[in-house]
Amino acid sequence: MSSLVGPDEDNPLGKPDVPEHVQQAVRTLIEWAGDDPEREGLRDTPKRVARAWLEYCQGYQHDPAVHLARVFEEVGGYDEVVLLKDIPFQSHCEHHMAPIQGKAAIAYLPRDHVVGISKLARVLHGYARRLQIQERLTAEVAQCIWDHLKPHGVAVVIEAQHGCMTARGVRTPGVGMITSRMMGTFLEDQRSRKEVLSLMGY
C-alpha cells in the first residue's frame, strides 16, 4: 500500500502518492480499451483510479475483528436475538473487479455479553472492502462474530447485485443473489433458524 504524503505544491491536499508503475498500469488499460491516456480528460485518471482502489480496498489494512474487542456485560439479563438488518455495503468481485452492491442482515444470540451495534456493520465493511466473492464474504463475517463474541448462535444473510453479471457478460440487471451462513443454535435448531430468518424478513 502507498503511504500518505504531506501537503506540498504538487499535492496540496496530501492525497496518497501513486507510484509511476501503478499509473502506467492504468494508462495501459485505457489504451487497450481504445482511448488515448494522454488526452486532457484522461491525463489525471491514472492517479484518480489508483487512489479510488486504495479506498475500495481499505479492508486489507486492518483486521475487522478489532471492532469486536470491546463488549458490554451489563445487559439486564437480555438473552434474545440481537439483529442488525438492511446494512448497505459495497464490495468488488475478485474475478472481474466489478462492483458488488447490496445489503446484509447480521444476527447473534448473546451468551453473556453484547457488542455495540455499529460494530457489526464495521465488521461487514472491513471484509467487504476487499476483493471478494459473496459466499466468502458471508462466511467471513459470520466466522468473525462467532470466534470473537462466542455467542450461542450467529446468522448472516447477504443480498447483492453483481456488476460482473448486470453490466457485462449476460447483462441481466435487477438480478439479486442471496447467501446465508448459520452457526450454533441457528444451525442446529430449526425453530431458532426460522425465527431469525423471519426477523430478517426472509
N, C-alpha and C. Protein backbone atom coordinates (compact mmCIF):
# COMPACT_ATOMS: atom_id res chain seq x y z
N MET A 1 0.85 -1.20 0.00
CA MET A 1 0.00 0.00 0.00
C MET A 1 0.89 1.25 0.00
N SER A 2 0.44 2.27 -0.72
CA SER A 2 1.19 3.51 -0.76
C SER A 2 1.03 4.25 0.56
N SER A 3 2.05 4.97 0.93
CA SER A 3 1.97 5.74 2.17
C SER A 3 1.41 7.13 1.87
N LEU A 4 0.88 7.75 2.89
CA LEU A 4 0.36 9.10 2.74
C LEU A 4 1.51 10.08 2.68
N VAL A 5 1.35 11.09 1.87
CA VAL A 5 2.36 12.13 1.81
C VAL A 5 1.74 13.41 2.31
N GLY A 6 2.57 14.28 2.85
CA GLY A 6 2.08 15.54 3.37
C GLY A 6 1.77 16.51 2.25
N PRO A 7 1.02 17.57 2.56
CA PRO A 7 0.71 18.57 1.55
C PRO A 7 1.97 19.20 0.99
N ASP A 8 2.04 19.38 -0.33
CA ASP A 8 3.13 20.13 -0.95
C ASP A 8 2.56 20.85 -2.18
N GLU A 9 3.41 21.48 -2.94
CA GLU A 9 2.95 22.29 -4.06
C GLU A 9 2.22 21.46 -5.11
N ASP A 10 2.70 20.21 -5.36
CA ASP A 10 2.09 19.35 -6.36
C ASP A 10 0.91 18.55 -5.81
N ASN A 11 0.82 18.47 -4.50
CA ASN A 11 -0.22 17.66 -3.86
C ASN A 11 -0.74 18.39 -2.63
N PRO A 12 -1.45 19.52 -2.84
CA PRO A 12 -1.84 20.38 -1.71
C PRO A 12 -2.79 19.73 -0.72
N LEU A 13 -3.53 18.70 -1.15
CA LEU A 13 -4.47 18.04 -0.23
C LEU A 13 -3.84 16.86 0.50
N GLY A 14 -2.58 16.57 0.23
CA GLY A 14 -1.91 15.48 0.92
C GLY A 14 -2.50 14.11 0.61
N LYS A 15 -2.96 13.91 -0.63
CA LYS A 15 -3.53 12.63 -1.01
C LYS A 15 -2.45 11.57 -1.12
N PRO A 16 -2.83 10.28 -1.09
CA PRO A 16 -1.82 9.21 -1.20
C PRO A 16 -1.00 9.36 -2.48
N ASP A 17 0.28 9.18 -2.36
CA ASP A 17 1.16 9.21 -3.52
C ASP A 17 0.90 7.97 -4.37
N VAL A 18 1.00 8.11 -5.68
CA VAL A 18 0.77 6.97 -6.58
C VAL A 18 2.04 6.70 -7.36
N PRO A 19 2.66 5.55 -7.15
CA PRO A 19 3.90 5.22 -7.88
C PRO A 19 3.68 5.21 -9.39
N GLU A 20 4.73 5.51 -10.13
CA GLU A 20 4.64 5.61 -11.58
C GLU A 20 4.20 4.29 -12.22
N HIS A 21 4.66 3.15 -11.68
CA HIS A 21 4.30 1.88 -12.31
C HIS A 21 2.81 1.57 -12.16
N VAL A 22 2.19 2.10 -11.08
CA VAL A 22 0.75 1.93 -10.91
C VAL A 22 0.01 2.81 -11.92
N GLN A 23 0.45 4.05 -12.07
CA GLN A 23 -0.17 4.93 -13.06
C GLN A 23 -0.04 4.35 -14.47
N GLN A 24 1.12 3.77 -14.75
CA GLN A 24 1.34 3.21 -16.08
C GLN A 24 0.42 2.03 -16.35
N ALA A 25 0.13 1.25 -15.30
CA ALA A 25 -0.79 0.12 -15.47
C ALA A 25 -2.18 0.60 -15.88
N VAL A 26 -2.64 1.72 -15.28
CA VAL A 26 -3.95 2.26 -15.63
C VAL A 26 -3.91 2.84 -17.05
N ARG A 27 -2.83 3.51 -17.39
CA ARG A 27 -2.70 4.05 -18.75
C ARG A 27 -2.78 2.93 -19.79
N THR A 28 -2.12 1.80 -19.47
CA THR A 28 -2.13 0.66 -20.38
C THR A 28 -3.55 0.15 -20.60
N LEU A 29 -4.35 0.08 -19.54
CA LEU A 29 -5.73 -0.36 -19.66
C LEU A 29 -6.56 0.61 -20.51
N ILE A 30 -6.35 1.91 -20.28
CA ILE A 30 -7.08 2.92 -21.06
C ILE A 30 -6.75 2.77 -22.54
N GLU A 31 -5.46 2.62 -22.82
CA GLU A 31 -5.03 2.50 -24.22
C GLU A 31 -5.56 1.20 -24.83
N TRP A 32 -5.54 0.12 -24.08
CA TRP A 32 -6.01 -1.18 -24.58
C TRP A 32 -7.51 -1.15 -24.85
N ALA A 33 -8.24 -0.33 -24.05
CA ALA A 33 -9.69 -0.19 -24.24
C ALA A 33 -10.03 0.65 -25.48
N GLY A 34 -9.03 1.38 -26.00
CA GLY A 34 -9.25 2.12 -27.24
C GLY A 34 -9.19 3.63 -27.13
N ASP A 35 -8.75 4.15 -25.99
CA ASP A 35 -8.71 5.61 -25.84
C ASP A 35 -7.27 6.07 -25.69
N ASP A 36 -7.11 7.37 -25.66
CA ASP A 36 -5.78 7.98 -25.56
C ASP A 36 -5.54 8.46 -24.13
N PRO A 37 -4.67 7.81 -23.36
CA PRO A 37 -4.44 8.21 -21.97
C PRO A 37 -3.81 9.59 -21.83
N GLU A 38 -3.34 10.17 -22.93
CA GLU A 38 -2.70 11.47 -22.86
C GLU A 38 -3.65 12.62 -23.17
N ARG A 39 -4.89 12.31 -23.56
CA ARG A 39 -5.80 13.42 -23.84
C ARG A 39 -6.21 14.08 -22.52
N GLU A 40 -6.67 15.33 -22.61
CA GLU A 40 -6.87 16.16 -21.42
C GLU A 40 -7.76 15.49 -20.36
N GLY A 41 -8.88 14.93 -20.79
CA GLY A 41 -9.82 14.36 -19.81
C GLY A 41 -9.31 13.13 -19.09
N LEU A 42 -8.29 12.47 -19.66
CA LEU A 42 -7.77 11.23 -19.07
C LEU A 42 -6.39 11.39 -18.44
N ARG A 43 -5.81 12.57 -18.55
CA ARG A 43 -4.43 12.75 -18.13
C ARG A 43 -4.23 12.43 -16.64
N ASP A 44 -5.19 12.83 -15.80
CA ASP A 44 -5.06 12.58 -14.36
C ASP A 44 -5.83 11.34 -13.90
N THR A 45 -6.44 10.65 -14.84
CA THR A 45 -7.23 9.47 -14.48
C THR A 45 -6.42 8.38 -13.80
N PRO A 46 -5.21 8.07 -14.23
CA PRO A 46 -4.45 7.01 -13.54
C PRO A 46 -4.28 7.25 -12.04
N LYS A 47 -4.02 8.48 -11.64
CA LYS A 47 -3.90 8.77 -10.22
C LYS A 47 -5.25 8.63 -9.52
N ARG A 48 -6.30 9.11 -10.16
CA ARG A 48 -7.63 9.03 -9.55
C ARG A 48 -8.05 7.57 -9.36
N VAL A 49 -7.83 6.77 -10.39
CA VAL A 49 -8.20 5.35 -10.31
C VAL A 49 -7.41 4.65 -9.21
N ALA A 50 -6.13 4.90 -9.14
CA ALA A 50 -5.29 4.25 -8.13
C ALA A 50 -5.74 4.63 -6.72
N ARG A 51 -6.02 5.91 -6.51
CA ARG A 51 -6.47 6.35 -5.18
C ARG A 51 -7.84 5.79 -4.85
N ALA A 52 -8.70 5.68 -5.87
CA ALA A 52 -10.01 5.09 -5.64
C ALA A 52 -9.87 3.64 -5.19
N TRP A 53 -8.95 2.90 -5.80
CA TRP A 53 -8.78 1.49 -5.42
C TRP A 53 -8.18 1.33 -4.03
N LEU A 54 -7.36 2.28 -3.62
CA LEU A 54 -6.89 2.26 -2.22
C LEU A 54 -8.07 2.37 -1.27
N GLU A 55 -9.05 3.20 -1.65
CA GLU A 55 -10.24 3.38 -0.81
C GLU A 55 -11.15 2.16 -0.88
N TYR A 56 -11.36 1.64 -2.10
CA TYR A 56 -12.21 0.46 -2.25
C TYR A 56 -11.68 -0.72 -1.43
N CYS A 57 -10.37 -0.80 -1.31
CA CYS A 57 -9.73 -1.96 -0.68
C CYS A 57 -9.16 -1.66 0.70
N GLN A 58 -9.76 -0.72 1.41
CA GLN A 58 -9.29 -0.36 2.75
C GLN A 58 -9.31 -1.54 3.71
N GLY A 59 -10.14 -2.53 3.43
CA GLY A 59 -10.28 -3.66 4.34
C GLY A 59 -9.01 -4.46 4.52
N TYR A 60 -8.07 -4.35 3.59
CA TYR A 60 -6.80 -5.07 3.74
C TYR A 60 -5.90 -4.45 4.80
N GLN A 61 -6.22 -3.23 5.22
CA GLN A 61 -5.32 -2.50 6.10
C GLN A 61 -5.53 -2.79 7.59
N HIS A 62 -6.59 -3.54 7.93
CA HIS A 62 -6.78 -3.87 9.34
C HIS A 62 -7.60 -5.15 9.48
N ASP A 63 -7.58 -5.73 10.64
CA ASP A 63 -8.35 -6.92 10.95
C ASP A 63 -9.73 -6.50 11.43
N PRO A 64 -10.81 -6.88 10.73
CA PRO A 64 -12.16 -6.47 11.15
C PRO A 64 -12.51 -6.88 12.57
N ALA A 65 -11.83 -7.89 13.10
CA ALA A 65 -12.12 -8.37 14.46
C ALA A 65 -11.82 -7.32 15.52
N VAL A 66 -11.03 -6.31 15.20
CA VAL A 66 -10.71 -5.28 16.20
C VAL A 66 -11.98 -4.58 16.68
N HIS A 67 -13.00 -4.56 15.84
CA HIS A 67 -14.24 -3.87 16.21
C HIS A 67 -15.05 -4.64 17.25
N LEU A 68 -14.69 -5.89 17.49
CA LEU A 68 -15.42 -6.71 18.46
C LEU A 68 -14.68 -6.84 19.78
N ALA A 69 -13.60 -6.07 19.94
CA ALA A 69 -12.77 -6.21 21.13
C ALA A 69 -13.46 -5.69 22.39
N ARG A 70 -14.27 -4.65 22.25
CA ARG A 70 -14.94 -4.08 23.42
C ARG A 70 -16.37 -4.59 23.50
N VAL A 71 -16.69 -5.25 24.61
CA VAL A 71 -18.05 -5.79 24.78
C VAL A 71 -18.65 -5.23 26.07
N PHE A 72 -19.97 -5.41 26.21
CA PHE A 72 -20.70 -4.92 27.38
C PHE A 72 -21.40 -6.09 28.07
N GLU A 73 -21.11 -6.24 29.35
CA GLU A 73 -21.69 -7.35 30.10
C GLU A 73 -22.93 -6.96 30.89
N GLU A 74 -23.19 -5.67 31.08
CA GLU A 74 -24.37 -5.21 31.78
C GLU A 74 -25.53 -5.11 30.79
N VAL A 75 -26.21 -6.24 30.60
CA VAL A 75 -27.27 -6.30 29.60
C VAL A 75 -28.64 -6.53 30.21
N GLY A 76 -28.74 -6.42 31.53
CA GLY A 76 -30.04 -6.55 32.20
C GLY A 76 -30.70 -7.89 32.02
N GLY A 77 -29.88 -8.93 31.84
CA GLY A 77 -30.42 -10.27 31.67
C GLY A 77 -30.92 -10.56 30.26
N TYR A 78 -30.66 -9.67 29.31
CA TYR A 78 -31.14 -9.89 27.94
C TYR A 78 -30.43 -11.08 27.31
N ASP A 79 -31.21 -12.02 26.79
CA ASP A 79 -30.61 -13.21 26.18
C ASP A 79 -31.35 -13.63 24.90
N GLU A 80 -31.97 -12.65 24.22
CA GLU A 80 -32.66 -12.94 22.98
C GLU A 80 -31.82 -12.46 21.78
N VAL A 81 -32.37 -12.63 20.60
CA VAL A 81 -31.65 -12.30 19.37
C VAL A 81 -31.31 -10.82 19.29
N VAL A 82 -30.08 -10.53 18.87
CA VAL A 82 -29.66 -9.18 18.53
C VAL A 82 -29.49 -9.16 17.01
N LEU A 83 -30.21 -8.26 16.35
CA LEU A 83 -30.23 -8.25 14.89
C LEU A 83 -30.02 -6.85 14.34
N LEU A 84 -29.12 -6.74 13.39
CA LEU A 84 -28.94 -5.50 12.63
C LEU A 84 -29.23 -5.85 11.18
N LYS A 85 -30.22 -5.20 10.58
CA LYS A 85 -30.64 -5.57 9.23
C LYS A 85 -30.57 -4.39 8.28
N ASP A 86 -30.62 -4.73 6.99
CA ASP A 86 -30.57 -3.73 5.92
C ASP A 86 -29.31 -2.87 5.99
N ILE A 87 -28.19 -3.51 6.27
CA ILE A 87 -26.91 -2.79 6.31
C ILE A 87 -26.38 -2.67 4.87
N PRO A 88 -26.32 -1.46 4.32
CA PRO A 88 -25.82 -1.34 2.95
C PRO A 88 -24.31 -1.54 2.90
N PHE A 89 -23.83 -2.11 1.81
CA PHE A 89 -22.38 -2.28 1.65
C PHE A 89 -22.03 -2.27 0.18
N GLN A 90 -20.77 -2.04 -0.09
CA GLN A 90 -20.25 -2.12 -1.46
C GLN A 90 -18.94 -2.88 -1.42
N SER A 91 -18.76 -3.75 -2.39
CA SER A 91 -17.53 -4.52 -2.50
C SER A 91 -17.15 -4.59 -3.98
N HIS A 92 -16.12 -5.40 -4.28
CA HIS A 92 -15.73 -5.62 -5.67
C HIS A 92 -15.43 -7.09 -5.88
N CYS A 93 -15.93 -7.61 -6.98
CA CYS A 93 -15.75 -9.01 -7.33
C CYS A 93 -14.29 -9.30 -7.67
N GLU A 94 -13.76 -10.38 -7.11
CA GLU A 94 -12.35 -10.69 -7.34
C GLU A 94 -12.10 -11.26 -8.75
N HIS A 95 -13.16 -11.64 -9.46
CA HIS A 95 -12.98 -12.21 -10.79
C HIS A 95 -12.90 -11.15 -11.88
N HIS A 96 -13.70 -10.09 -11.78
CA HIS A 96 -13.70 -9.04 -12.79
C HIS A 96 -13.44 -7.66 -12.18
N MET A 97 -13.29 -7.59 -10.86
CA MET A 97 -13.11 -6.33 -10.14
C MET A 97 -14.28 -5.38 -10.40
N ALA A 98 -15.46 -5.96 -10.64
CA ALA A 98 -16.68 -5.18 -10.87
C ALA A 98 -17.38 -4.95 -9.54
N PRO A 99 -18.20 -3.90 -9.43
CA PRO A 99 -18.86 -3.59 -8.16
C PRO A 99 -19.86 -4.65 -7.73
N ILE A 100 -19.91 -4.87 -6.42
CA ILE A 100 -20.95 -5.65 -5.78
C ILE A 100 -21.65 -4.69 -4.83
N GLN A 101 -22.96 -4.55 -4.96
CA GLN A 101 -23.71 -3.65 -4.09
C GLN A 101 -24.89 -4.41 -3.49
N GLY A 102 -25.07 -4.23 -2.18
CA GLY A 102 -26.17 -4.95 -1.56
C GLY A 102 -26.42 -4.54 -0.13
N LYS A 103 -27.07 -5.45 0.58
CA LYS A 103 -27.38 -5.22 1.98
C LYS A 103 -27.21 -6.52 2.74
N ALA A 104 -26.99 -6.38 4.04
CA ALA A 104 -26.77 -7.56 4.87
C ALA A 104 -27.62 -7.49 6.12
N ALA A 105 -27.95 -8.66 6.64
CA ALA A 105 -28.58 -8.79 7.95
C ALA A 105 -27.66 -9.66 8.79
N ILE A 106 -27.33 -9.17 9.97
CA ILE A 106 -26.41 -9.88 10.87
C ILE A 106 -27.09 -10.05 12.22
N ALA A 107 -27.16 -11.28 12.71
CA ALA A 107 -27.80 -11.55 14.00
C ALA A 107 -26.92 -12.48 14.83
N TYR A 108 -27.02 -12.31 16.14
CA TYR A 108 -26.36 -13.27 17.02
C TYR A 108 -27.20 -13.42 18.29
N LEU A 109 -27.04 -14.56 18.93
CA LEU A 109 -27.74 -14.85 20.18
C LEU A 109 -26.69 -14.79 21.28
N PRO A 110 -26.66 -13.69 22.07
CA PRO A 110 -25.57 -13.48 23.02
C PRO A 110 -25.53 -14.53 24.13
N ARG A 111 -24.32 -14.78 24.59
CA ARG A 111 -24.14 -15.71 25.70
C ARG A 111 -24.13 -14.94 27.02
N ASP A 112 -23.18 -14.05 27.21
CA ASP A 112 -23.15 -13.27 28.45
C ASP A 112 -22.69 -11.83 28.23
N HIS A 113 -22.57 -11.43 26.97
CA HIS A 113 -22.21 -10.03 26.68
C HIS A 113 -22.65 -9.68 25.27
N VAL A 114 -22.74 -8.37 25.01
CA VAL A 114 -23.11 -7.87 23.69
C VAL A 114 -22.04 -6.88 23.22
N VAL A 115 -22.16 -6.48 21.96
CA VAL A 115 -21.23 -5.52 21.38
C VAL A 115 -22.05 -4.37 20.82
N GLY A 116 -21.46 -3.18 20.75
CA GLY A 116 -22.15 -2.04 20.16
C GLY A 116 -22.63 -2.37 18.75
N ILE A 117 -23.88 -2.03 18.41
CA ILE A 117 -24.44 -2.49 17.14
C ILE A 117 -23.69 -1.96 15.92
N SER A 118 -23.09 -0.79 16.02
CA SER A 118 -22.36 -0.27 14.87
C SER A 118 -21.17 -1.15 14.52
N LYS A 119 -20.69 -1.90 15.51
CA LYS A 119 -19.52 -2.74 15.28
C LYS A 119 -19.82 -3.88 14.31
N LEU A 120 -21.07 -4.34 14.29
CA LEU A 120 -21.45 -5.39 13.35
C LEU A 120 -21.32 -4.88 11.92
N ALA A 121 -21.76 -3.65 11.69
CA ALA A 121 -21.63 -3.05 10.37
C ALA A 121 -20.16 -2.85 10.01
N ARG A 122 -19.35 -2.49 11.00
CA ARG A 122 -17.92 -2.27 10.73
C ARG A 122 -17.22 -3.57 10.35
N VAL A 123 -17.62 -4.66 10.97
CA VAL A 123 -17.06 -5.96 10.60
C VAL A 123 -17.41 -6.28 9.14
N LEU A 124 -18.68 -6.08 8.78
CA LEU A 124 -19.11 -6.30 7.40
C LEU A 124 -18.28 -5.47 6.43
N HIS A 125 -18.15 -4.17 6.72
CA HIS A 125 -17.43 -3.28 5.81
C HIS A 125 -15.95 -3.63 5.75
N GLY A 126 -15.40 -4.09 6.87
CA GLY A 126 -13.99 -4.47 6.87
C GLY A 126 -13.68 -5.59 5.89
N TYR A 127 -14.58 -6.57 5.80
CA TYR A 127 -14.39 -7.67 4.85
C TYR A 127 -14.86 -7.30 3.45
N ALA A 128 -15.89 -6.44 3.36
CA ALA A 128 -16.41 -6.06 2.04
C ALA A 128 -15.41 -5.21 1.28
N ARG A 129 -14.61 -4.42 1.98
CA ARG A 129 -13.65 -3.55 1.31
C ARG A 129 -12.38 -4.31 0.96
N ARG A 130 -12.58 -5.44 0.32
CA ARG A 130 -11.52 -6.27 -0.23
C ARG A 130 -12.06 -6.86 -1.53
N LEU A 131 -11.21 -7.45 -2.33
CA LEU A 131 -11.71 -8.19 -3.48
C LEU A 131 -12.40 -9.43 -2.95
N GLN A 132 -13.64 -9.67 -3.37
CA GLN A 132 -14.45 -10.68 -2.70
C GLN A 132 -15.26 -11.52 -3.67
N ILE A 133 -15.78 -12.62 -3.14
CA ILE A 133 -16.95 -13.29 -3.69
C ILE A 133 -17.97 -13.28 -2.56
N GLN A 134 -19.24 -13.23 -2.91
CA GLN A 134 -20.27 -13.04 -1.89
C GLN A 134 -20.32 -14.19 -0.90
N GLU A 135 -20.08 -15.40 -1.38
CA GLU A 135 -20.11 -16.57 -0.49
C GLU A 135 -19.06 -16.45 0.61
N ARG A 136 -17.84 -16.05 0.23
CA ARG A 136 -16.78 -15.92 1.23
C ARG A 136 -17.05 -14.76 2.17
N LEU A 137 -17.54 -13.65 1.64
CA LEU A 137 -17.87 -12.50 2.48
C LEU A 137 -18.85 -12.91 3.57
N THR A 138 -19.89 -13.64 3.20
CA THR A 138 -20.90 -14.10 4.16
C THR A 138 -20.26 -14.97 5.24
N ALA A 139 -19.42 -15.90 4.81
CA ALA A 139 -18.77 -16.82 5.76
C ALA A 139 -17.80 -16.09 6.68
N GLU A 140 -17.04 -15.14 6.14
CA GLU A 140 -16.04 -14.43 6.95
C GLU A 140 -16.69 -13.59 8.04
N VAL A 141 -17.79 -12.90 7.70
CA VAL A 141 -18.48 -12.08 8.70
C VAL A 141 -19.01 -12.96 9.82
N ALA A 142 -19.65 -14.07 9.46
CA ALA A 142 -20.21 -14.97 10.47
C ALA A 142 -19.12 -15.58 11.34
N GLN A 143 -18.04 -16.01 10.74
CA GLN A 143 -16.96 -16.66 11.50
C GLN A 143 -16.30 -15.69 12.46
N CYS A 144 -16.12 -14.44 12.03
CA CYS A 144 -15.50 -13.43 12.88
C CYS A 144 -16.34 -13.19 14.14
N ILE A 145 -17.65 -13.07 13.97
CA ILE A 145 -18.54 -12.84 15.11
C ILE A 145 -18.56 -14.08 16.02
N TRP A 146 -18.60 -15.24 15.41
CA TRP A 146 -18.60 -16.50 16.17
C TRP A 146 -17.33 -16.65 17.01
N ASP A 147 -16.19 -16.36 16.42
CA ASP A 147 -14.91 -16.55 17.10
C ASP A 147 -14.69 -15.55 18.22
N HIS A 148 -15.14 -14.31 18.03
CA HIS A 148 -14.76 -13.25 18.97
C HIS A 148 -15.84 -12.88 19.97
N LEU A 149 -17.10 -13.10 19.65
CA LEU A 149 -18.15 -12.85 20.63
C LEU A 149 -18.56 -14.13 21.37
N LYS A 150 -18.26 -15.29 20.74
CA LYS A 150 -18.59 -16.60 21.32
C LYS A 150 -20.06 -16.67 21.75
N PRO A 151 -20.98 -16.35 20.85
CA PRO A 151 -22.40 -16.37 21.18
C PRO A 151 -22.98 -17.78 21.07
N HIS A 152 -24.25 -17.93 21.40
CA HIS A 152 -24.92 -19.21 21.21
C HIS A 152 -25.16 -19.49 19.72
N GLY A 153 -25.33 -18.42 18.95
CA GLY A 153 -25.59 -18.60 17.52
C GLY A 153 -25.29 -17.35 16.73
N VAL A 154 -25.01 -17.53 15.45
CA VAL A 154 -24.76 -16.42 14.52
C VAL A 154 -25.51 -16.70 13.23
N ALA A 155 -26.12 -15.67 12.67
CA ALA A 155 -26.78 -15.78 11.37
C ALA A 155 -26.44 -14.56 10.53
N VAL A 156 -25.99 -14.81 9.31
CA VAL A 156 -25.66 -13.72 8.38
C VAL A 156 -26.33 -14.03 7.05
N VAL A 157 -27.09 -13.07 6.54
CA VAL A 157 -27.70 -13.19 5.21
C VAL A 157 -27.32 -11.95 4.41
N ILE A 158 -26.81 -12.18 3.21
CA ILE A 158 -26.40 -11.09 2.34
C ILE A 158 -27.13 -11.20 1.02
N GLU A 159 -27.66 -10.07 0.57
CA GLU A 159 -28.36 -9.98 -0.71
C GLU A 159 -27.69 -8.89 -1.52
N ALA A 160 -27.26 -9.22 -2.74
CA ALA A 160 -26.49 -8.24 -3.51
C ALA A 160 -26.66 -8.43 -5.00
N GLN A 161 -26.34 -7.35 -5.73
CA GLN A 161 -26.28 -7.39 -7.18
C GLN A 161 -24.82 -7.26 -7.61
N HIS A 162 -24.46 -7.96 -8.67
CA HIS A 162 -23.08 -8.04 -9.10
C HIS A 162 -22.90 -7.41 -10.47
N GLY A 163 -22.00 -6.42 -10.53
CA GLY A 163 -21.73 -5.75 -11.79
C GLY A 163 -21.19 -6.67 -12.87
N CYS A 164 -20.51 -7.76 -12.46
CA CYS A 164 -19.96 -8.69 -13.44
C CYS A 164 -21.09 -9.43 -14.17
N MET A 165 -22.31 -9.39 -13.63
CA MET A 165 -23.47 -10.02 -14.28
C MET A 165 -24.42 -8.99 -14.86
N THR A 166 -24.55 -7.84 -14.20
CA THR A 166 -25.53 -6.85 -14.65
C THR A 166 -24.99 -5.93 -15.74
N ALA A 167 -23.67 -5.69 -15.77
CA ALA A 167 -23.11 -4.72 -16.71
C ALA A 167 -22.26 -5.36 -17.80
N ARG A 168 -21.99 -6.66 -17.68
CA ARG A 168 -21.19 -7.35 -18.69
C ARG A 168 -21.69 -8.80 -18.78
N GLY A 169 -21.08 -9.59 -19.63
CA GLY A 169 -21.46 -10.99 -19.72
C GLY A 169 -22.92 -11.14 -20.12
N VAL A 170 -23.71 -11.75 -19.25
CA VAL A 170 -25.13 -11.99 -19.54
C VAL A 170 -25.96 -10.71 -19.50
N ARG A 171 -25.43 -9.66 -18.88
CA ARG A 171 -26.07 -8.33 -18.83
C ARG A 171 -27.54 -8.43 -18.41
N THR A 172 -27.74 -8.86 -17.20
CA THR A 172 -29.09 -9.04 -16.68
C THR A 172 -29.27 -8.19 -15.43
N PRO A 173 -29.65 -6.92 -15.57
CA PRO A 173 -29.83 -6.05 -14.41
C PRO A 173 -31.03 -6.47 -13.57
N GLY A 174 -30.96 -6.12 -12.29
CA GLY A 174 -32.08 -6.40 -11.39
C GLY A 174 -32.04 -7.76 -10.74
N VAL A 175 -31.06 -8.60 -11.09
CA VAL A 175 -30.97 -9.93 -10.52
C VAL A 175 -30.16 -9.87 -9.23
N GLY A 176 -30.73 -10.39 -8.15
CA GLY A 176 -30.04 -10.39 -6.86
C GLY A 176 -29.61 -11.78 -6.46
N MET A 177 -28.53 -11.86 -5.71
CA MET A 177 -28.01 -13.13 -5.20
C MET A 177 -28.11 -13.10 -3.67
N ILE A 178 -28.58 -14.18 -3.08
CA ILE A 178 -28.71 -14.27 -1.63
C ILE A 178 -27.84 -15.41 -1.13
N THR A 179 -27.04 -15.11 -0.10
CA THR A 179 -26.22 -16.13 0.56
C THR A 179 -26.47 -16.05 2.06
N SER A 180 -26.31 -17.17 2.74
CA SER A 180 -26.51 -17.18 4.19
C SER A 180 -25.50 -18.09 4.86
N ARG A 181 -25.22 -17.79 6.12
CA ARG A 181 -24.38 -18.67 6.94
C ARG A 181 -25.00 -18.69 8.34
N MET A 182 -25.31 -19.88 8.81
CA MET A 182 -25.87 -20.09 10.14
C MET A 182 -24.87 -20.87 10.98
N MET A 183 -24.72 -20.49 12.23
CA MET A 183 -23.79 -21.18 13.13
C MET A 183 -24.43 -21.35 14.49
N GLY A 184 -24.03 -22.38 15.21
CA GLY A 184 -24.54 -22.61 16.55
C GLY A 184 -26.02 -22.92 16.56
N THR A 185 -26.75 -22.27 17.47
CA THR A 185 -28.19 -22.52 17.64
C THR A 185 -28.97 -22.33 16.34
N PHE A 186 -28.61 -21.34 15.56
CA PHE A 186 -29.35 -21.07 14.33
C PHE A 186 -29.14 -22.16 13.27
N LEU A 187 -28.07 -22.91 13.40
CA LEU A 187 -27.82 -24.03 12.50
C LEU A 187 -28.47 -25.31 13.02
N GLU A 188 -28.37 -25.51 14.35
CA GLU A 188 -28.78 -26.78 14.93
C GLU A 188 -30.27 -26.86 15.26
N ASP A 189 -30.90 -25.73 15.56
CA ASP A 189 -32.30 -25.72 15.99
C ASP A 189 -33.17 -25.09 14.91
N GLN A 190 -34.04 -25.88 14.32
CA GLN A 190 -34.86 -25.42 13.21
C GLN A 190 -35.77 -24.26 13.61
N ARG A 191 -36.30 -24.29 14.83
CA ARG A 191 -37.19 -23.23 15.27
C ARG A 191 -36.44 -21.90 15.40
N SER A 192 -35.24 -21.95 15.96
CA SER A 192 -34.43 -20.73 16.08
C SER A 192 -34.05 -20.18 14.71
N ARG A 193 -33.77 -21.09 13.79
CA ARG A 193 -33.42 -20.68 12.43
C ARG A 193 -34.58 -19.96 11.77
N LYS A 194 -35.79 -20.53 11.88
CA LYS A 194 -36.97 -19.91 11.30
C LYS A 194 -37.25 -18.54 11.93
N GLU A 195 -37.04 -18.45 13.24
CA GLU A 195 -37.29 -17.19 13.94
C GLU A 195 -36.37 -16.09 13.44
N VAL A 196 -35.10 -16.39 13.34
CA VAL A 196 -34.15 -15.34 12.95
C VAL A 196 -34.36 -14.96 11.48
N LEU A 197 -34.66 -15.92 10.62
CA LEU A 197 -34.92 -15.59 9.23
C LEU A 197 -36.17 -14.75 9.08
N SER A 198 -37.18 -15.03 9.91
CA SER A 198 -38.40 -14.24 9.89
C SER A 198 -38.12 -12.80 10.34
N LEU A 199 -37.33 -12.65 11.37
CA LEU A 199 -36.97 -11.31 11.84
C LEU A 199 -36.19 -10.55 10.76
N MET A 200 -35.40 -11.28 9.98
CA MET A 200 -34.63 -10.65 8.91
C MET A 200 -35.50 -10.30 7.72
N GLY A 201 -36.67 -10.91 7.65
CA GLY A 201 -37.57 -10.65 6.54
C GLY A 201 -37.48 -11.67 5.41
N TYR A 202 -36.96 -12.88 5.74
CA TYR A 202 -36.83 -13.93 4.73
C TYR A 202 -37.71 -15.12 5.07
